[in-house]
């Protein structure tokens, strides 16, 4: 009830989503505010990095999180589940990201996992990943 109450300012509902509006007035959701990674003075949308990593055919699932880092404030970290029988290295993931997006958005660390934590309805639990890999 308290979270719902604090999500409203007058008649406006603050969803916690970050979005852009293009020149034609279309709105695109970019990411959740809580999933925005602050690294080296830049803001990185985890979803943008996830979409780039999903372009790699060996990837079954990926979650990109920010982990505490003394140099970067948060280090962009990719937690990847590979498709059965597929292989991929940390260097291959980093090279792919560095070639296709700004270097500050590229993961500083890549972790391979058997599965990503989810709640009973299947929602990814990034907070558990932040705790597990911090």
C-alpha atoms as a PDB file:
ATOM      1  CA  UNK A   1       0.000   0.000   0.000  1.00  0.00           C
ATOM      2  CA  UNK A   2       2.843   2.416   0.871  1.00  0.00           C
ATOM      3  CA  UNK A   3       4.647   1.745  -2.426  1.00  0.00           C
ATOM      4  CA  UNK A   4       1.428   2.392  -4.333  1.00  0.00           C
ATOM      5  CA  UNK A   5       0.840   5.639  -2.457  1.00  0.00           C
ATOM      6  CA  UNK A   6       4.378   6.914  -3.111  1.00  0.00           C
ATOM      7  CA  UNK A   7       4.063   6.019  -6.816  1.00  0.00           C
ATOM      8  CA  UNK A   8       1.456   8.745  -7.274  1.00  0.00           C
ATOM      9  CA  UNK A   9       1.980  12.498  -7.472  1.00  0.00           C
ATOM     10  CA  UNK A  10      -1.491  13.950  -7.779  1.00  0.00           C
ATOM     11  CA  UNK A  11      -3.058  12.125 -10.715  1.00  0.00           C
ATOM     12  CA  UNK A  12       0.323  11.083 -12.165  1.00  0.00           C
ATOM     13  CA  UNK A  13       1.582   7.525 -11.715  1.00  0.00           C
ATOM     14  CA  UNK A  14       5.368   7.065 -11.609  1.00  0.00           C
ATOM     15  CA  UNK A  15       6.012   3.540 -12.884  1.00  0.00           C
ATOM     16  CA  UNK A  16       9.777   3.539 -12.454  1.00  0.00           C
ATOM     17  CA  UNK A  17      10.189   3.007 -16.210  1.00  0.00           C
ATOM     18  CA  UNK A  18      12.531   5.158 -18.289  1.00  0.00           C
ATOM     19  CA  UNK A  19      11.386   5.993 -21.802  1.00  0.00           C
ATOM     20  CA  UNK A  20      12.203   8.090 -24.851  1.00  0.00           C
ATOM     21  CA  UNK A  21       9.898   9.931 -27.228  1.00  0.00           C
ATOM     22  CA  UNK A  22      10.904   9.960 -30.896  1.00  0.00           C
ATOM     23  CA  UNK A  23      10.334  12.778 -33.389  1.00  0.00           C
ATOM     24  CA  UNK A  24       6.953  11.283 -34.359  1.00  0.00           C
ATOM     25  CA  UNK A  25       5.778  11.216 -30.740  1.00  0.00           C
ATOM     26  CA  UNK A  26       6.119   7.459 -30.206  1.00  0.00           C
ATOM     27  CA  UNK A  27       7.173   6.403 -26.719  1.00  0.00           C
ATOM     28  CA  UNK A  28       9.646   3.546 -26.230  1.00  0.00           C
ATOM     29  CA  UNK A  29      10.378   2.092 -22.803  1.00  0.00           C
ATOM     30  CA  UNK A  30      14.168   1.934 -22.372  1.00  0.00           C
ATOM     31  CA  UNK A  31      14.584   0.313 -18.957  1.00  0.00           C
ATOM     32  CA  UNK A  32      13.501   0.301 -15.339  1.00  0.00           C
ATOM     33  CA  UNK A  33      15.022   3.174 -13.368  1.00  0.00           C
ATOM     34  CA  UNK A  34      16.294   0.742 -10.727  1.00  0.00           C
ATOM     35  CA  UNK A  35      18.106  -1.269 -13.446  1.00  0.00           C
ATOM     36  CA  UNK A  36      19.997   1.740 -14.855  1.00  0.00           C
ATOM     37  CA  UNK A  37      23.734   1.245 -14.289  1.00  0.00           C
ATOM     38  CA  UNK A  38      25.891   4.215 -13.293  1.00  0.00           C
ATOM     39  CA  UNK A  39      29.406   3.580 -14.566  1.00  0.00           C
ATOM     40  CA  UNK A  40      32.326   5.944 -15.082  1.00  0.00           C
ATOM     41  CA  UNK A  41      30.072   9.013 -15.084  1.00  0.00           C
ATOM     42  CA  UNK A  42      27.680   7.509 -17.657  1.00  0.00           C
ATOM     43  CA  UNK A  43      24.263   5.895 -17.377  1.00  0.00           C
ATOM     44  CA  UNK A  44      23.833   2.533 -19.085  1.00  0.00           C
ATOM     45  CA  UNK A  45      20.456   0.907 -19.738  1.00  0.00           C
ATOM     46  CA  UNK A  46      20.853  -2.771 -18.849  1.00  0.00           C
ATOM     47  CA  UNK A  47      18.225  -3.688 -21.410  1.00  0.00           C
ATOM     48  CA  UNK A  48      20.289  -2.185 -24.256  1.00  0.00           C
ATOM     49  CA  UNK A  49      23.306  -4.320 -23.323  1.00  0.00           C
ATOM     50  CA  UNK A  50      21.101  -7.410 -22.904  1.00  0.00           C
ATOM     51  CA  UNK A  51      19.643  -6.905 -26.388  1.00  0.00           C
ATOM     52  CA  UNK A  52      23.167  -6.697 -27.834  1.00  0.00           C
ATOM     53  CA  UNK A  53      24.253  -9.913 -26.086  1.00  0.00           C
ATOM     54  CA  UNK A  54      21.097 -11.735 -27.238  1.00  0.00           C
ATOM     55  CA  UNK A  55      22.399 -11.273 -30.805  1.00  0.00           C
ATOM     56  CA  UNK A  56      24.976 -13.961 -30.008  1.00  0.00           C
ATOM     57  CA  UNK A  57      23.432 -17.259 -31.133  1.00  0.00           C
ATOM     58  CA  UNK A  58      24.864 -19.257 -28.196  1.00  0.00           C
ATOM     59  CA  UNK A  59      22.966 -17.176 -25.608  1.00  0.00           C
ATOM     60  CA  UNK A  60      19.786 -18.598 -24.089  1.00  0.00           C
ATOM     61  CA  UNK A  61      19.297 -15.971 -21.354  1.00  0.00           C
ATOM     62  CA  UNK A  62      21.160 -12.904 -20.149  1.00  0.00           C
ATOM     63  CA  UNK A  63      20.805 -10.409 -17.329  1.00  0.00           C
ATOM     64  CA  UNK A  64      22.976  -7.295 -17.166  1.00  0.00           C
ATOM     65  CA  UNK A  65      23.504  -5.747 -13.747  1.00  0.00           C
ATOM     66  CA  UNK A  66      25.692  -3.120 -12.129  1.00  0.00           C
ATOM     67  CA  UNK A  67      28.015  -4.354  -9.402  1.00  0.00           C
ATOM     68  CA  UNK A  68      29.907  -2.095  -6.966  1.00  0.00           C
ATOM     69  CA  UNK A  69      33.326  -1.135  -8.307  1.00  0.00           C
ATOM     70  CA  UNK A  70      35.934   1.238  -6.834  1.00  0.00           C
ATOM     71  CA  UNK A  71      36.948   2.613 -10.253  1.00  0.00           C
ATOM     72  CA  UNK A  72      33.627   2.715 -12.139  1.00  0.00           C
ATOM     73  CA  UNK A  73      31.105   3.144  -9.252  1.00  0.00           C
ATOM     74  CA  UNK A  74      29.268   0.219 -10.844  1.00  0.00           C
ATOM     75  CA  UNK A  75      30.795  -2.287 -13.258  1.00  0.00           C
ATOM     76  CA  UNK A  76      28.563  -3.450 -16.108  1.00  0.00           C
ATOM     77  CA  UNK A  77      28.281  -7.206 -15.545  1.00  0.00           C
ATOM     78  CA  UNK A  78      26.594  -9.763 -17.808  1.00  0.00           C
ATOM     79  CA  UNK A  79      25.269 -13.018 -16.348  1.00  0.00           C
ATOM     80  CA  UNK A  80      24.721 -15.422 -19.236  1.00  0.00           C
ATOM     81  CA  UNK A  81      23.026 -18.802 -19.601  1.00  0.00           C
ATOM     82  CA  UNK A  82      24.167 -20.613 -22.735  1.00  0.00           C
ATOM     83  CA  UNK A  83      22.009 -22.777 -24.972  1.00  0.00           C
ATOM     84  CA  UNK A  84      22.602 -26.501 -24.490  1.00  0.00           C
ATOM     85  CA  UNK A  85      25.710 -27.661 -26.328  1.00  0.00           C
ATOM     86  CA  UNK A  86      26.887 -24.120 -27.110  1.00  0.00           C
ATOM     87  CA  UNK A  87      30.077 -22.411 -26.000  1.00  0.00           C
ATOM     88  CA  UNK A  88      31.109 -18.790 -25.653  1.00  0.00           C
ATOM     89  CA  UNK A  89      33.942 -17.038 -23.847  1.00  0.00           C
ATOM     90  CA  UNK A  90      34.074 -13.855 -21.820  1.00  0.00           C
ATOM     91  CA  UNK A  91      36.449 -12.406 -24.436  1.00  0.00           C
ATOM     92  CA  UNK A  92      33.988 -13.172 -27.273  1.00  0.00           C
ATOM     93  CA  UNK A  93      31.133 -11.453 -25.429  1.00  0.00           C
ATOM     94  CA  UNK A  94      33.256  -8.394 -24.658  1.00  0.00           C
ATOM     95  CA  UNK A  95      34.583  -8.181 -28.240  1.00  0.00           C
ATOM     96  CA  UNK A  96      31.039  -8.402 -29.651  1.00  0.00           C
ATOM     97  CA  UNK A  97      29.823  -5.618 -27.359  1.00  0.00           C
ATOM     98  CA  UNK A  98      32.894  -3.406 -27.919  1.00  0.00           C
ATOM     99  CA  UNK A  99      32.457  -3.688 -31.704  1.00  0.00           C
ATOM    100  CA  UNK A 100      28.753  -2.858 -31.658  1.00  0.00           C
ATOM    101  CA  UNK A 101      28.206  -0.291 -28.903  1.00  0.00           C
ATOM    102  CA  UNK A 102      30.002   2.422 -26.953  1.00  0.00           C
ATOM    103  CA  UNK A 103      32.808   0.906 -24.882  1.00  0.00           C
ATOM    104  CA  UNK A 104      31.452   2.310 -21.594  1.00  0.00           C
ATOM    105  CA  UNK A 105      28.308   0.202 -22.135  1.00  0.00           C
ATOM    106  CA  UNK A 106      30.239  -3.029 -22.694  1.00  0.00           C
ATOM    107  CA  UNK A 107      30.483  -5.506 -19.813  1.00  0.00           C
ATOM    108  CA  UNK A 108      33.574  -5.251 -17.643  1.00  0.00           C
ATOM    109  CA  UNK A 109      32.792  -8.739 -16.353  1.00  0.00           C
ATOM    110  CA  UNK A 110      30.973 -11.744 -17.821  1.00  0.00           C
ATOM    111  CA  UNK A 111      29.715 -14.621 -15.674  1.00  0.00           C
ATOM    112  CA  UNK A 112      28.282 -17.861 -17.031  1.00  0.00           C
ATOM    113  CA  UNK A 113      25.481 -19.467 -15.007  1.00  0.00           C
ATOM    114  CA  UNK A 114      23.315 -22.584 -15.241  1.00  0.00           C
ATOM    115  CA  UNK A 115      20.122 -20.561 -14.706  1.00  0.00           C
ATOM    116  CA  UNK A 116      18.916 -17.079 -13.772  1.00  0.00           C
ATOM    117  CA  UNK A 117      16.886 -16.619 -10.567  1.00  0.00           C
ATOM    118  CA  UNK A 118      13.180 -16.023 -11.136  1.00  0.00           C
ATOM    119  CA  UNK A 119      10.105 -15.668  -8.973  1.00  0.00           C
ATOM    120  CA  UNK A 120       7.207 -18.173  -9.238  1.00  0.00           C
ATOM    121  CA  UNK A 121       5.640 -16.194 -12.101  1.00  0.00           C
ATOM    122  CA  UNK A 122       8.897 -16.239 -14.083  1.00  0.00           C
ATOM    123  CA  UNK A 123      10.043 -12.657 -13.450  1.00  0.00           C
ATOM    124  CA  UNK A 124      13.822 -12.254 -13.409  1.00  0.00           C
ATOM    125  CA  UNK A 125      15.193 -11.356  -9.967  1.00  0.00           C
ATOM    126  CA  UNK A 126      18.131  -9.043 -10.687  1.00  0.00           C
ATOM    127  CA  UNK A 127      18.465  -8.112  -7.013  1.00  0.00           C
ATOM    128  CA  UNK A 128      19.397 -11.746  -6.269  1.00  0.00           C
ATOM    129  CA  UNK A 129      22.080 -11.611  -8.959  1.00  0.00           C
ATOM    130  CA  UNK A 130      23.446  -8.369  -7.481  1.00  0.00           C
ATOM    131  CA  UNK A 131      23.679 -10.057  -4.078  1.00  0.00           C
ATOM    132  CA  UNK A 132      25.139 -13.295  -5.432  1.00  0.00           C
ATOM    133  CA  UNK A 133      27.894 -11.708  -7.541  1.00  0.00           C
ATOM    134  CA  UNK A 134      28.706  -8.570  -5.514  1.00  0.00           C
END
